[in-house]
Amino acid sequence: FVFPPVDEPPRTPDARRDSSRDAP
């Protein structure tokens, strides 16, 4: 949220699982 990604390319399911996001 503080540093929103720009034009992030689609990732593989495994990569997304390791870098999924949440926030307080």
PDBML (XML) file of the C-alpha atoms, coordinates in Angstrom:
<?xml version="1.0" encoding="UTF-8" ?>
<PDBx:datablock datablockName="MODEL"
   xmlns:PDBx="http://pdbml.pdb.org/schema/pdbx-v50.xsd"
   xmlns:xsi="http://www.w3.org/2001/XMLSchema-instance"
   xsi:schemaLocation="http://pdbml.pdb.org/schema/pdbx-v50.xsd pdbx-v50.xsd">
   <PDBx:atom_siteCategory>
      <PDBx:atom_site id="1">
         <PDBx:B_iso_or_equiv>0.00</PDBx:B_iso_or_equiv>
         <PDBx:Cartn_x>0.000</PDBx:Cartn_x>
         <PDBx:Cartn_y>0.000</PDBx:Cartn_y>
         <PDBx:Cartn_z>0.000</PDBx:Cartn_z>
         <PDBx:auth_asym_id>A</PDBx:auth_asym_id>
         <PDBx:auth_atom_id>CA</PDBx:auth_atom_id>
         <PDBx:auth_comp_id>PHE</PDBx:auth_comp_id>
         <PDBx:auth_seq_id>1</PDBx:auth_seq_id>
         <PDBx:group_PDB>ATOM</PDBx:group_PDB>
         <PDBx:label_alt_id xsi:nil="true" />
         <PDBx:label_asym_id>A</PDBx:label_asym_id>
         <PDBx:label_atom_id>CA</PDBx:label_atom_id>
         <PDBx:label_comp_id>PHE</PDBx:label_comp_id>
         <PDBx:label_entity_id>1</PDBx:label_entity_id>
         <PDBx:label_seq_id>1</PDBx:label_seq_id>
         <PDBx:occupancy>1.00</PDBx:occupancy>
         <PDBx:pdbx_PDB_model_num>1</PDBx:pdbx_PDB_model_num>
         <PDBx:type_symbol>C</PDBx:type_symbol>
      </PDBx:atom_site>
      <PDBx:atom_site id="2">
         <PDBx:B_iso_or_equiv>0.00</PDBx:B_iso_or_equiv>
         <PDBx:Cartn_x>2.827</PDBx:Cartn_x>
         <PDBx:Cartn_y>2.377</PDBx:Cartn_y>
         <PDBx:Cartn_z>0.787</PDBx:Cartn_z>
         <PDBx:auth_asym_id>A</PDBx:auth_asym_id>
         <PDBx:auth_atom_id>CA</PDBx:auth_atom_id>
         <PDBx:auth_comp_id>VAL</PDBx:auth_comp_id>
         <PDBx:auth_seq_id>2</PDBx:auth_seq_id>
         <PDBx:group_PDB>ATOM</PDBx:group_PDB>
         <PDBx:label_alt_id xsi:nil="true" />
         <PDBx:label_asym_id>A</PDBx:label_asym_id>
         <PDBx:label_atom_id>CA</PDBx:label_atom_id>
         <PDBx:label_comp_id>VAL</PDBx:label_comp_id>
         <PDBx:label_entity_id>1</PDBx:label_entity_id>
         <PDBx:label_seq_id>2</PDBx:label_seq_id>
         <PDBx:occupancy>1.00</PDBx:occupancy>
         <PDBx:pdbx_PDB_model_num>1</PDBx:pdbx_PDB_model_num>
         <PDBx:type_symbol>C</PDBx:type_symbol>
      </PDBx:atom_site>
      <PDBx:atom_site id="3">
         <PDBx:B_iso_or_equiv>0.00</PDBx:B_iso_or_equiv>
         <PDBx:Cartn_x>4.780</PDBx:Cartn_x>
         <PDBx:Cartn_y>1.499</PDBx:Cartn_y>
         <PDBx:Cartn_z>-2.354</PDBx:Cartn_z>
         <PDBx:auth_asym_id>A</PDBx:auth_asym_id>
         <PDBx:auth_atom_id>CA</PDBx:auth_atom_id>
         <PDBx:auth_comp_id>PHE</PDBx:auth_comp_id>
         <PDBx:auth_seq_id>3</PDBx:auth_seq_id>
         <PDBx:group_PDB>ATOM</PDBx:group_PDB>
         <PDBx:label_alt_id xsi:nil="true" />
         <PDBx:label_asym_id>A</PDBx:label_asym_id>
         <PDBx:label_atom_id>CA</PDBx:label_atom_id>
         <PDBx:label_comp_id>PHE</PDBx:label_comp_id>
         <PDBx:label_entity_id>1</PDBx:label_entity_id>
         <PDBx:label_seq_id>3</PDBx:label_seq_id>
         <PDBx:occupancy>1.00</PDBx:occupancy>
         <PDBx:pdbx_PDB_model_num>1</PDBx:pdbx_PDB_model_num>
         <PDBx:type_symbol>C</PDBx:type_symbol>
      </PDBx:atom_site>
      <PDBx:atom_site id="4">
         <PDBx:B_iso_or_equiv>0.00</PDBx:B_iso_or_equiv>
         <PDBx:Cartn_x>2.174</PDBx:Cartn_x>
         <PDBx:Cartn_y>0.144</PDBx:Cartn_y>
         <PDBx:Cartn_z>-4.819</PDBx:Cartn_z>
         <PDBx:auth_asym_id>A</PDBx:auth_asym_id>
         <PDBx:auth_atom_id>CA</PDBx:auth_atom_id>
         <PDBx:auth_comp_id>PRO</PDBx:auth_comp_id>
         <PDBx:auth_seq_id>4</PDBx:auth_seq_id>
         <PDBx:group_PDB>ATOM</PDBx:group_PDB>
         <PDBx:label_alt_id xsi:nil="true" />
         <PDBx:label_asym_id>A</PDBx:label_asym_id>
         <PDBx:label_atom_id>CA</PDBx:label_atom_id>
         <PDBx:label_comp_id>PRO</PDBx:label_comp_id>
         <PDBx:label_entity_id>1</PDBx:label_entity_id>
         <PDBx:label_seq_id>4</PDBx:label_seq_id>
         <PDBx:occupancy>1.00</PDBx:occupancy>
         <PDBx:pdbx_PDB_model_num>1</PDBx:pdbx_PDB_model_num>
         <PDBx:type_symbol>C</PDBx:type_symbol>
      </PDBx:atom_site>
      <PDBx:atom_site id="5">
         <PDBx:B_iso_or_equiv>0.00</PDBx:B_iso_or_equiv>
         <PDBx:Cartn_x>3.666</PDBx:Cartn_x>
         <PDBx:Cartn_y>-1.955</PDBx:Cartn_y>
         <PDBx:Cartn_z>-7.631</PDBx:Cartn_z>
         <PDBx:auth_asym_id>A</PDBx:auth_asym_id>
         <PDBx:auth_atom_id>CA</PDBx:auth_atom_id>
         <PDBx:auth_comp_id>PRO</PDBx:auth_comp_id>
         <PDBx:auth_seq_id>5</PDBx:auth_seq_id>
         <PDBx:group_PDB>ATOM</PDBx:group_PDB>
         <PDBx:label_alt_id xsi:nil="true" />
         <PDBx:label_asym_id>A</PDBx:label_asym_id>
         <PDBx:label_atom_id>CA</PDBx:label_atom_id>
         <PDBx:label_comp_id>PRO</PDBx:label_comp_id>
         <PDBx:label_entity_id>1</PDBx:label_entity_id>
         <PDBx:label_seq_id>5</PDBx:label_seq_id>
         <PDBx:occupancy>1.00</PDBx:occupancy>
         <PDBx:pdbx_PDB_model_num>1</PDBx:pdbx_PDB_model_num>
         <PDBx:type_symbol>C</PDBx:type_symbol>
      </PDBx:atom_site>
      <PDBx:atom_site id="6">
         <PDBx:B_iso_or_equiv>0.00</PDBx:B_iso_or_equiv>
         <PDBx:Cartn_x>3.588</PDBx:Cartn_x>
         <PDBx:Cartn_y>-0.568</PDBx:Cartn_y>
         <PDBx:Cartn_z>-11.147</PDBx:Cartn_z>
         <PDBx:auth_asym_id>A</PDBx:auth_asym_id>
         <PDBx:auth_atom_id>CA</PDBx:auth_atom_id>
         <PDBx:auth_comp_id>VAL</PDBx:auth_comp_id>
         <PDBx:auth_seq_id>6</PDBx:auth_seq_id>
         <PDBx:group_PDB>ATOM</PDBx:group_PDB>
         <PDBx:label_alt_id xsi:nil="true" />
         <PDBx:label_asym_id>A</PDBx:label_asym_id>
         <PDBx:label_atom_id>CA</PDBx:label_atom_id>
         <PDBx:label_comp_id>VAL</PDBx:label_comp_id>
         <PDBx:label_entity_id>1</PDBx:label_entity_id>
         <PDBx:label_seq_id>6</PDBx:label_seq_id>
         <PDBx:occupancy>1.00</PDBx:occupancy>
         <PDBx:pdbx_PDB_model_num>1</PDBx:pdbx_PDB_model_num>
         <PDBx:type_symbol>C</PDBx:type_symbol>
      </PDBx:atom_site>
      <PDBx:atom_site id="7">
         <PDBx:B_iso_or_equiv>0.00</PDBx:B_iso_or_equiv>
         <PDBx:Cartn_x>2.756</PDBx:Cartn_x>
         <PDBx:Cartn_y>-2.713</PDBx:Cartn_y>
         <PDBx:Cartn_z>-14.189</PDBx:Cartn_z>
         <PDBx:auth_asym_id>A</PDBx:auth_asym_id>
         <PDBx:auth_atom_id>CA</PDBx:auth_atom_id>
         <PDBx:auth_comp_id>ASP</PDBx:auth_comp_id>
         <PDBx:auth_seq_id>7</PDBx:auth_seq_id>
         <PDBx:group_PDB>ATOM</PDBx:group_PDB>
         <PDBx:label_alt_id xsi:nil="true" />
         <PDBx:label_asym_id>A</PDBx:label_asym_id>
         <PDBx:label_atom_id>CA</PDBx:label_atom_id>
         <PDBx:label_comp_id>ASP</PDBx:label_comp_id>
         <PDBx:label_entity_id>1</PDBx:label_entity_id>
         <PDBx:label_seq_id>7</PDBx:label_seq_id>
         <PDBx:occupancy>1.00</PDBx:occupancy>
         <PDBx:pdbx_PDB_model_num>1</PDBx:pdbx_PDB_model_num>
         <PDBx:type_symbol>C</PDBx:type_symbol>
      </PDBx:atom_site>
      <PDBx:atom_site id="8">
         <PDBx:B_iso_or_equiv>0.00</PDBx:B_iso_or_equiv>
         <PDBx:Cartn_x>3.632</PDBx:Cartn_x>
         <PDBx:Cartn_y>-5.895</PDBx:Cartn_y>
         <PDBx:Cartn_z>-12.355</PDBx:Cartn_z>
         <PDBx:auth_asym_id>A</PDBx:auth_asym_id>
         <PDBx:auth_atom_id>CA</PDBx:auth_atom_id>
         <PDBx:auth_comp_id>GLU</PDBx:auth_comp_id>
         <PDBx:auth_seq_id>8</PDBx:auth_seq_id>
         <PDBx:group_PDB>ATOM</PDBx:group_PDB>
         <PDBx:label_alt_id xsi:nil="true" />
         <PDBx:label_asym_id>A</PDBx:label_asym_id>
         <PDBx:label_atom_id>CA</PDBx:label_atom_id>
         <PDBx:label_comp_id>GLU</PDBx:label_comp_id>
         <PDBx:label_entity_id>1</PDBx:label_entity_id>
         <PDBx:label_seq_id>8</PDBx:label_seq_id>
         <PDBx:occupancy>1.00</PDBx:occupancy>
         <PDBx:pdbx_PDB_model_num>1</PDBx:pdbx_PDB_model_num>
         <PDBx:type_symbol>C</PDBx:type_symbol>
      </PDBx:atom_site>
      <PDBx:atom_site id="9">
         <PDBx:B_iso_or_equiv>0.00</PDBx:B_iso_or_equiv>
         <PDBx:Cartn_x>3.704</PDBx:Cartn_x>
         <PDBx:Cartn_y>-8.837</PDBx:Cartn_y>
         <PDBx:Cartn_z>-14.788</PDBx:Cartn_z>
         <PDBx:auth_asym_id>A</PDBx:auth_asym_id>
         <PDBx:auth_atom_id>CA</PDBx:auth_atom_id>
         <PDBx:auth_comp_id>PRO</PDBx:auth_comp_id>
         <PDBx:auth_seq_id>9</PDBx:auth_seq_id>
         <PDBx:group_PDB>ATOM</PDBx:group_PDB>
         <PDBx:label_alt_id xsi:nil="true" />
         <PDBx:label_asym_id>A</PDBx:label_asym_id>
         <PDBx:label_atom_id>CA</PDBx:label_atom_id>
         <PDBx:label_comp_id>PRO</PDBx:label_comp_id>
         <PDBx:label_entity_id>1</PDBx:label_entity_id>
         <PDBx:label_seq_id>9</PDBx:label_seq_id>
         <PDBx:occupancy>1.00</PDBx:occupancy>
         <PDBx:pdbx_PDB_model_num>1</PDBx:pdbx_PDB_model_num>
         <PDBx:type_symbol>C</PDBx:type_symbol>
      </PDBx:atom_site>
      <PDBx:atom_site id="10">
         <PDBx:B_iso_or_equiv>0.00</PDBx:B_iso_or_equiv>
         <PDBx:Cartn_x>1.622</PDBx:Cartn_x>
         <PDBx:Cartn_y>-11.927</PDBx:Cartn_y>
         <PDBx:Cartn_z>-14.033</PDBx:Cartn_z>
         <PDBx:auth_asym_id>A</PDBx:auth_asym_id>
         <PDBx:auth_atom_id>CA</PDBx:auth_atom_id>
         <PDBx:auth_comp_id>PRO</PDBx:auth_comp_id>
         <PDBx:auth_seq_id>10</PDBx:auth_seq_id>
         <PDBx:group_PDB>ATOM</PDBx:group_PDB>
         <PDBx:label_alt_id xsi:nil="true" />
         <PDBx:label_asym_id>A</PDBx:label_asym_id>
         <PDBx:label_atom_id>CA</PDBx:label_atom_id>
         <PDBx:label_comp_id>PRO</PDBx:label_comp_id>
         <PDBx:label_entity_id>1</PDBx:label_entity_id>
         <PDBx:label_seq_id>10</PDBx:label_seq_id>
         <PDBx:occupancy>1.00</PDBx:occupancy>
         <PDBx:pdbx_PDB_model_num>1</PDBx:pdbx_PDB_model_num>
         <PDBx:type_symbol>C</PDBx:type_symbol>
      </PDBx:atom_site>
      <PDBx:atom_site id="11">
         <PDBx:B_iso_or_equiv>0.00</PDBx:B_iso_or_equiv>
         <PDBx:Cartn_x>3.427</PDBx:Cartn_x>
         <PDBx:Cartn_y>-14.400</PDBx:Cartn_y>
         <PDBx:Cartn_z>-11.828</PDBx:Cartn_z>
         <PDBx:auth_asym_id>A</PDBx:auth_asym_id>
         <PDBx:auth_atom_id>CA</PDBx:auth_atom_id>
         <PDBx:auth_comp_id>ARG</PDBx:auth_comp_id>
         <PDBx:auth_seq_id>11</PDBx:auth_seq_id>
         <PDBx:group_PDB>ATOM</PDBx:group_PDB>
         <PDBx:label_alt_id xsi:nil="true" />
         <PDBx:label_asym_id>A</PDBx:label_asym_id>
         <PDBx:label_atom_id>CA</PDBx:label_atom_id>
         <PDBx:label_comp_id>ARG</PDBx:label_comp_id>
         <PDBx:label_entity_id>1</PDBx:label_entity_id>
         <PDBx:label_seq_id>11</PDBx:label_seq_id>
         <PDBx:occupancy>1.00</PDBx:occupancy>
         <PDBx:pdbx_PDB_model_num>1</PDBx:pdbx_PDB_model_num>
         <PDBx:type_symbol>C</PDBx:type_symbol>
      </PDBx:atom_site>
      <PDBx:atom_site id="12">
         <PDBx:B_iso_or_equiv>0.00</PDBx:B_iso_or_equiv>
         <PDBx:Cartn_x>3.300</PDBx:Cartn_x>
         <PDBx:Cartn_y>-18.140</PDBx:Cartn_y>
         <PDBx:Cartn_z>-11.633</PDBx:Cartn_z>
         <PDBx:auth_asym_id>A</PDBx:auth_asym_id>
         <PDBx:auth_atom_id>CA</PDBx:auth_atom_id>
         <PDBx:auth_comp_id>THR</PDBx:auth_comp_id>
         <PDBx:auth_seq_id>12</PDBx:auth_seq_id>
         <PDBx:group_PDB>ATOM</PDBx:group_PDB>
         <PDBx:label_alt_id xsi:nil="true" />
         <PDBx:label_asym_id>A</PDBx:label_asym_id>
         <PDBx:label_atom_id>CA</PDBx:label_atom_id>
         <PDBx:label_comp_id>THR</PDBx:label_comp_id>
         <PDBx:label_entity_id>1</PDBx:label_entity_id>
         <PDBx:label_seq_id>12</PDBx:label_seq_id>
         <PDBx:occupancy>1.00</PDBx:occupancy>
         <PDBx:pdbx_PDB_model_num>1</PDBx:pdbx_PDB_model_num>
         <PDBx:type_symbol>C</PDBx:type_symbol>
      </PDBx:atom_site>
      <PDBx:atom_site id="13">
         <PDBx:B_iso_or_equiv>0.00</PDBx:B_iso_or_equiv>
         <PDBx:Cartn_x>0.925</PDBx:Cartn_x>
         <PDBx:Cartn_y>-19.661</PDBx:Cartn_y>
         <PDBx:Cartn_z>-9.058</PDBx:Cartn_z>
         <PDBx:auth_asym_id>A</PDBx:auth_asym_id>
         <PDBx:auth_atom_id>CA</PDBx:auth_atom_id>
         <PDBx:auth_comp_id>PRO</PDBx:auth_comp_id>
         <PDBx:auth_seq_id>13</PDBx:auth_seq_id>
         <PDBx:group_PDB>ATOM</PDBx:group_PDB>
         <PDBx:label_alt_id xsi:nil="true" />
         <PDBx:label_asym_id>A</PDBx:label_asym_id>
         <PDBx:label_atom_id>CA</PDBx:label_atom_id>
         <PDBx:label_comp_id>PRO</PDBx:label_comp_id>
         <PDBx:label_entity_id>1</PDBx:label_entity_id>
         <PDBx:label_seq_id>13</PDBx:label_seq_id>
         <PDBx:occupancy>1.00</PDBx:occupancy>
         <PDBx:pdbx_PDB_model_num>1</PDBx:pdbx_PDB_model_num>
         <PDBx:type_symbol>C</PDBx:type_symbol>
      </PDBx:atom_site>
      <PDBx:atom_site id="14">
         <PDBx:B_iso_or_equiv>0.00</PDBx:B_iso_or_equiv>
         <PDBx:Cartn_x>3.863</PDBx:Cartn_x>
         <PDBx:Cartn_y>-20.830</PDBx:Cartn_y>
         <PDBx:Cartn_z>-6.926</PDBx:Cartn_z>
         <PDBx:auth_asym_id>A</PDBx:auth_asym_id>
         <PDBx:auth_atom_id>CA</PDBx:auth_atom_id>
         <PDBx:auth_comp_id>ASP</PDBx:auth_comp_id>
         <PDBx:auth_seq_id>14</PDBx:auth_seq_id>
         <PDBx:group_PDB>ATOM</PDBx:group_PDB>
         <PDBx:label_alt_id xsi:nil="true" />
         <PDBx:label_asym_id>A</PDBx:label_asym_id>
         <PDBx:label_atom_id>CA</PDBx:label_atom_id>
         <PDBx:label_comp_id>ASP</PDBx:label_comp_id>
         <PDBx:label_entity_id>1</PDBx:label_entity_id>
         <PDBx:label_seq_id>14</PDBx:label_seq_id>
         <PDBx:occupancy>1.00</PDBx:occupancy>
         <PDBx:pdbx_PDB_model_num>1</PDBx:pdbx_PDB_model_num>
         <PDBx:type_symbol>C</PDBx:type_symbol>
      </PDBx:atom_site>
      <PDBx:atom_site id="15">
         <PDBx:B_iso_or_equiv>0.00</PDBx:B_iso_or_equiv>
         <PDBx:Cartn_x>5.517</PDBx:Cartn_x>
         <PDBx:Cartn_y>-17.416</PDBx:Cartn_y>
         <PDBx:Cartn_z>-6.971</PDBx:Cartn_z>
         <PDBx:auth_asym_id>A</PDBx:auth_asym_id>
         <PDBx:auth_atom_id>CA</PDBx:auth_atom_id>
         <PDBx:auth_comp_id>ALA</PDBx:auth_comp_id>
         <PDBx:auth_seq_id>15</PDBx:auth_seq_id>
         <PDBx:group_PDB>ATOM</PDBx:group_PDB>
         <PDBx:label_alt_id xsi:nil="true" />
         <PDBx:label_asym_id>A</PDBx:label_asym_id>
         <PDBx:label_atom_id>CA</PDBx:label_atom_id>
         <PDBx:label_comp_id>ALA</PDBx:label_comp_id>
         <PDBx:label_entity_id>1</PDBx:label_entity_id>
         <PDBx:label_seq_id>15</PDBx:label_seq_id>
         <PDBx:occupancy>1.00</PDBx:occupancy>
         <PDBx:pdbx_PDB_model_num>1</PDBx:pdbx_PDB_model_num>
         <PDBx:type_symbol>C</PDBx:type_symbol>
      </PDBx:atom_site>
      <PDBx:atom_site id="16">
         <PDBx:B_iso_or_equiv>0.00</PDBx:B_iso_or_equiv>
         <PDBx:Cartn_x>2.244</PDBx:Cartn_x>
         <PDBx:Cartn_y>-15.712</PDBx:Cartn_y>
         <PDBx:Cartn_z>-6.072</PDBx:Cartn_z>
         <PDBx:auth_asym_id>A</PDBx:auth_asym_id>
         <PDBx:auth_atom_id>CA</PDBx:auth_atom_id>
         <PDBx:auth_comp_id>ARG</PDBx:auth_comp_id>
         <PDBx:auth_seq_id>16</PDBx:auth_seq_id>
         <PDBx:group_PDB>ATOM</PDBx:group_PDB>
         <PDBx:label_alt_id xsi:nil="true" />
         <PDBx:label_asym_id>A</PDBx:label_asym_id>
         <PDBx:label_atom_id>CA</PDBx:label_atom_id>
         <PDBx:label_comp_id>ARG</PDBx:label_comp_id>
         <PDBx:label_entity_id>1</PDBx:label_entity_id>
         <PDBx:label_seq_id>16</PDBx:label_seq_id>
         <PDBx:occupancy>1.00</PDBx:occupancy>
         <PDBx:pdbx_PDB_model_num>1</PDBx:pdbx_PDB_model_num>
         <PDBx:type_symbol>C</PDBx:type_symbol>
      </PDBx:atom_site>
      <PDBx:atom_site id="17">
         <PDBx:B_iso_or_equiv>0.00</PDBx:B_iso_or_equiv>
         <PDBx:Cartn_x>1.677</PDBx:Cartn_x>
         <PDBx:Cartn_y>-18.054</PDBx:Cartn_y>
         <PDBx:Cartn_z>-3.201</PDBx:Cartn_z>
         <PDBx:auth_asym_id>A</PDBx:auth_asym_id>
         <PDBx:auth_atom_id>CA</PDBx:auth_atom_id>
         <PDBx:auth_comp_id>ARG</PDBx:auth_comp_id>
         <PDBx:auth_seq_id>17</PDBx:auth_seq_id>
         <PDBx:group_PDB>ATOM</PDBx:group_PDB>
         <PDBx:label_alt_id xsi:nil="true" />
         <PDBx:label_asym_id>A</PDBx:label_asym_id>
         <PDBx:label_atom_id>CA</PDBx:label_atom_id>
         <PDBx:label_comp_id>ARG</PDBx:label_comp_id>
         <PDBx:label_entity_id>1</PDBx:label_entity_id>
         <PDBx:label_seq_id>17</PDBx:label_seq_id>
         <PDBx:occupancy>1.00</PDBx:occupancy>
         <PDBx:pdbx_PDB_model_num>1</PDBx:pdbx_PDB_model_num>
         <PDBx:type_symbol>C</PDBx:type_symbol>
      </PDBx:atom_site>
      <PDBx:atom_site id="18">
         <PDBx:B_iso_or_equiv>0.00</PDBx:B_iso_or_equiv>
         <PDBx:Cartn_x>5.045</PDBx:Cartn_x>
         <PDBx:Cartn_y>-17.036</PDBx:Cartn_y>
         <PDBx:Cartn_z>-1.753</PDBx:Cartn_z>
         <PDBx:auth_asym_id>A</PDBx:auth_asym_id>
         <PDBx:auth_atom_id>CA</PDBx:auth_atom_id>
         <PDBx:auth_comp_id>ASP</PDBx:auth_comp_id>
         <PDBx:auth_seq_id>18</PDBx:auth_seq_id>
         <PDBx:group_PDB>ATOM</PDBx:group_PDB>
         <PDBx:label_alt_id xsi:nil="true" />
         <PDBx:label_asym_id>A</PDBx:label_asym_id>
         <PDBx:label_atom_id>CA</PDBx:label_atom_id>
         <PDBx:label_comp_id>ASP</PDBx:label_comp_id>
         <PDBx:label_entity_id>1</PDBx:label_entity_id>
         <PDBx:label_seq_id>18</PDBx:label_seq_id>
         <PDBx:occupancy>1.00</PDBx:occupancy>
         <PDBx:pdbx_PDB_model_num>1</PDBx:pdbx_PDB_model_num>
         <PDBx:type_symbol>C</PDBx:type_symbol>
      </PDBx:atom_site>
      <PDBx:atom_site id="19">
         <PDBx:B_iso_or_equiv>0.00</PDBx:B_iso_or_equiv>
         <PDBx:Cartn_x>4.466</PDBx:Cartn_x>
         <PDBx:Cartn_y>-13.317</PDBx:Cartn_y>
         <PDBx:Cartn_z>-2.179</PDBx:Cartn_z>
         <PDBx:auth_asym_id>A</PDBx:auth_asym_id>
         <PDBx:auth_atom_id>CA</PDBx:auth_atom_id>
         <PDBx:auth_comp_id>SER</PDBx:auth_comp_id>
         <PDBx:auth_seq_id>19</PDBx:auth_seq_id>
         <PDBx:group_PDB>ATOM</PDBx:group_PDB>
         <PDBx:label_alt_id xsi:nil="true" />
         <PDBx:label_asym_id>A</PDBx:label_asym_id>
         <PDBx:label_atom_id>CA</PDBx:label_atom_id>
         <PDBx:label_comp_id>SER</PDBx:label_comp_id>
         <PDBx:label_entity_id>1</PDBx:label_entity_id>
         <PDBx:label_seq_id>19</PDBx:label_seq_id>
         <PDBx:occupancy>1.00</PDBx:occupancy>
         <PDBx:pdbx_PDB_model_num>1</PDBx:pdbx_PDB_model_num>
         <PDBx:type_symbol>C</PDBx:type_symbol>
      </PDBx:atom_site>
      <PDBx:atom_site id="20">
         <PDBx:B_iso_or_equiv>0.00</PDBx:B_iso_or_equiv>
         <PDBx:Cartn_x>0.765</PDBx:Cartn_x>
         <PDBx:Cartn_y>-12.872</PDBx:Cartn_y>
         <PDBx:Cartn_z>-1.454</PDBx:Cartn_z>
         <PDBx:auth_asym_id>A</PDBx:auth_asym_id>
         <PDBx:auth_atom_id>CA</PDBx:auth_atom_id>
         <PDBx:auth_comp_id>SER</PDBx:auth_comp_id>
         <PDBx:auth_seq_id>20</PDBx:auth_seq_id>
         <PDBx:group_PDB>ATOM</PDBx:group_PDB>
         <PDBx:label_alt_id xsi:nil="true" />
         <PDBx:label_asym_id>A</PDBx:label_asym_id>
         <PDBx:label_atom_id>CA</PDBx:label_atom_id>
         <PDBx:label_comp_id>SER</PDBx:label_comp_id>
         <PDBx:label_entity_id>1</PDBx:label_entity_id>
         <PDBx:label_seq_id>20</PDBx:label_seq_id>
         <PDBx:occupancy>1.00</PDBx:occupancy>
         <PDBx:pdbx_PDB_model_num>1</PDBx:pdbx_PDB_model_num>
         <PDBx:type_symbol>C</PDBx:type_symbol>
      </PDBx:atom_site>
      <PDBx:atom_site id="21">
         <PDBx:B_iso_or_equiv>0.00</PDBx:B_iso_or_equiv>
         <PDBx:Cartn_x>-0.150</PDBx:Cartn_x>
         <PDBx:Cartn_y>-9.659</PDBx:Cartn_y>
         <PDBx:Cartn_z>0.311</PDBx:Cartn_z>
         <PDBx:auth_asym_id>A</PDBx:auth_asym_id>
         <PDBx:auth_atom_id>CA</PDBx:auth_atom_id>
         <PDBx:auth_comp_id>ARG</PDBx:auth_comp_id>
         <PDBx:auth_seq_id>21</PDBx:auth_seq_id>
         <PDBx:group_PDB>ATOM</PDBx:group_PDB>
         <PDBx:label_alt_id xsi:nil="true" />
         <PDBx:label_asym_id>A</PDBx:label_asym_id>
         <PDBx:label_atom_id>CA</PDBx:label_atom_id>
         <PDBx:label_comp_id>ARG</PDBx:label_comp_id>
         <PDBx:label_entity_id>1</PDBx:label_entity_id>
         <PDBx:label_seq_id>21</PDBx:label_seq_id>
         <PDBx:occupancy>1.00</PDBx:occupancy>
         <PDBx:pdbx_PDB_model_num>1</PDBx:pdbx_PDB_model_num>
         <PDBx:type_symbol>C</PDBx:type_symbol>
      </PDBx:atom_site>
      <PDBx:atom_site id="22">
         <PDBx:B_iso_or_equiv>0.00</PDBx:B_iso_or_equiv>
         <PDBx:Cartn_x>-2.092</PDBx:Cartn_x>
         <PDBx:Cartn_y>-8.610</PDBx:Cartn_y>
         <PDBx:Cartn_z>3.357</PDBx:Cartn_z>
         <PDBx:auth_asym_id>A</PDBx:auth_asym_id>
         <PDBx:auth_atom_id>CA</PDBx:auth_atom_id>
         <PDBx:auth_comp_id>ASP</PDBx:auth_comp_id>
         <PDBx:auth_seq_id>22</PDBx:auth_seq_id>
         <PDBx:group_PDB>ATOM</PDBx:group_PDB>
         <PDBx:label_alt_id xsi:nil="true" />
         <PDBx:label_asym_id>A</PDBx:label_asym_id>
         <PDBx:label_atom_id>CA</PDBx:label_atom_id>
         <PDBx:label_comp_id>ASP</PDBx:label_comp_id>
         <PDBx:label_entity_id>1</PDBx:label_entity_id>
         <PDBx:label_seq_id>22</PDBx:label_seq_id>
         <PDBx:occupancy>1.00</PDBx:occupancy>
         <PDBx:pdbx_PDB_model_num>1</PDBx:pdbx_PDB_model_num>
         <PDBx:type_symbol>C</PDBx:type_symbol>
      </PDBx:atom_site>
      <PDBx:atom_site id="23">
         <PDBx:B_iso_or_equiv>0.00</PDBx:B_iso_or_equiv>
         <PDBx:Cartn_x>-2.252</PDBx:Cartn_x>
         <PDBx:Cartn_y>-5.436</PDBx:Cartn_y>
         <PDBx:Cartn_z>5.391</PDBx:Cartn_z>
         <PDBx:auth_asym_id>A</PDBx:auth_asym_id>
         <PDBx:auth_atom_id>CA</PDBx:auth_atom_id>
         <PDBx:auth_comp_id>ALA</PDBx:auth_comp_id>
         <PDBx:auth_seq_id>23</PDBx:auth_seq_id>
         <PDBx:group_PDB>ATOM</PDBx:group_PDB>
         <PDBx:label_alt_id xsi:nil="true" />
         <PDBx:label_asym_id>A</PDBx:label_asym_id>
         <PDBx:label_atom_id>CA</PDBx:label_atom_id>
         <PDBx:label_comp_id>ALA</PDBx:label_comp_id>
         <PDBx:label_entity_id>1</PDBx:label_entity_id>
         <PDBx:label_seq_id>23</PDBx:label_seq_id>
         <PDBx:occupancy>1.00</PDBx:occupancy>
         <PDBx:pdbx_PDB_model_num>1</PDBx:pdbx_PDB_model_num>
         <PDBx:type_symbol>C</PDBx:type_symbol>
      </PDBx:atom_site>
      <PDBx:atom_site id="24">
         <PDBx:B_iso_or_equiv>0.00</PDBx:B_iso_or_equiv>
         <PDBx:Cartn_x>-3.139</PDBx:Cartn_x>
         <PDBx:Cartn_y>-4.367</PDBx:Cartn_y>
         <PDBx:Cartn_z>8.908</PDBx:Cartn_z>
         <PDBx:auth_asym_id>A</PDBx:auth_asym_id>
         <PDBx:auth_atom_id>CA</PDBx:auth_atom_id>
         <PDBx:auth_comp_id>PRO</PDBx:auth_comp_id>
         <PDBx:auth_seq_id>24</PDBx:auth_seq_id>
         <PDBx:group_PDB>ATOM</PDBx:group_PDB>
         <PDBx:label_alt_id xsi:nil="true" />
         <PDBx:label_asym_id>A</PDBx:label_asym_id>
         <PDBx:label_atom_id>CA</PDBx:label_atom_id>
         <PDBx:label_comp_id>PRO</PDBx:label_comp_id>
         <PDBx:label_entity_id>1</PDBx:label_entity_id>
         <PDBx:label_seq_id>24</PDBx:label_seq_id>
         <PDBx:occupancy>1.00</PDBx:occupancy>
         <PDBx:pdbx_PDB_model_num>1</PDBx:pdbx_PDB_model_num>
         <PDBx:type_symbol>C</PDBx:type_symbol>
      </PDBx:atom_site>
   </PDBx:atom_siteCategory>
</PDBx:datablock>
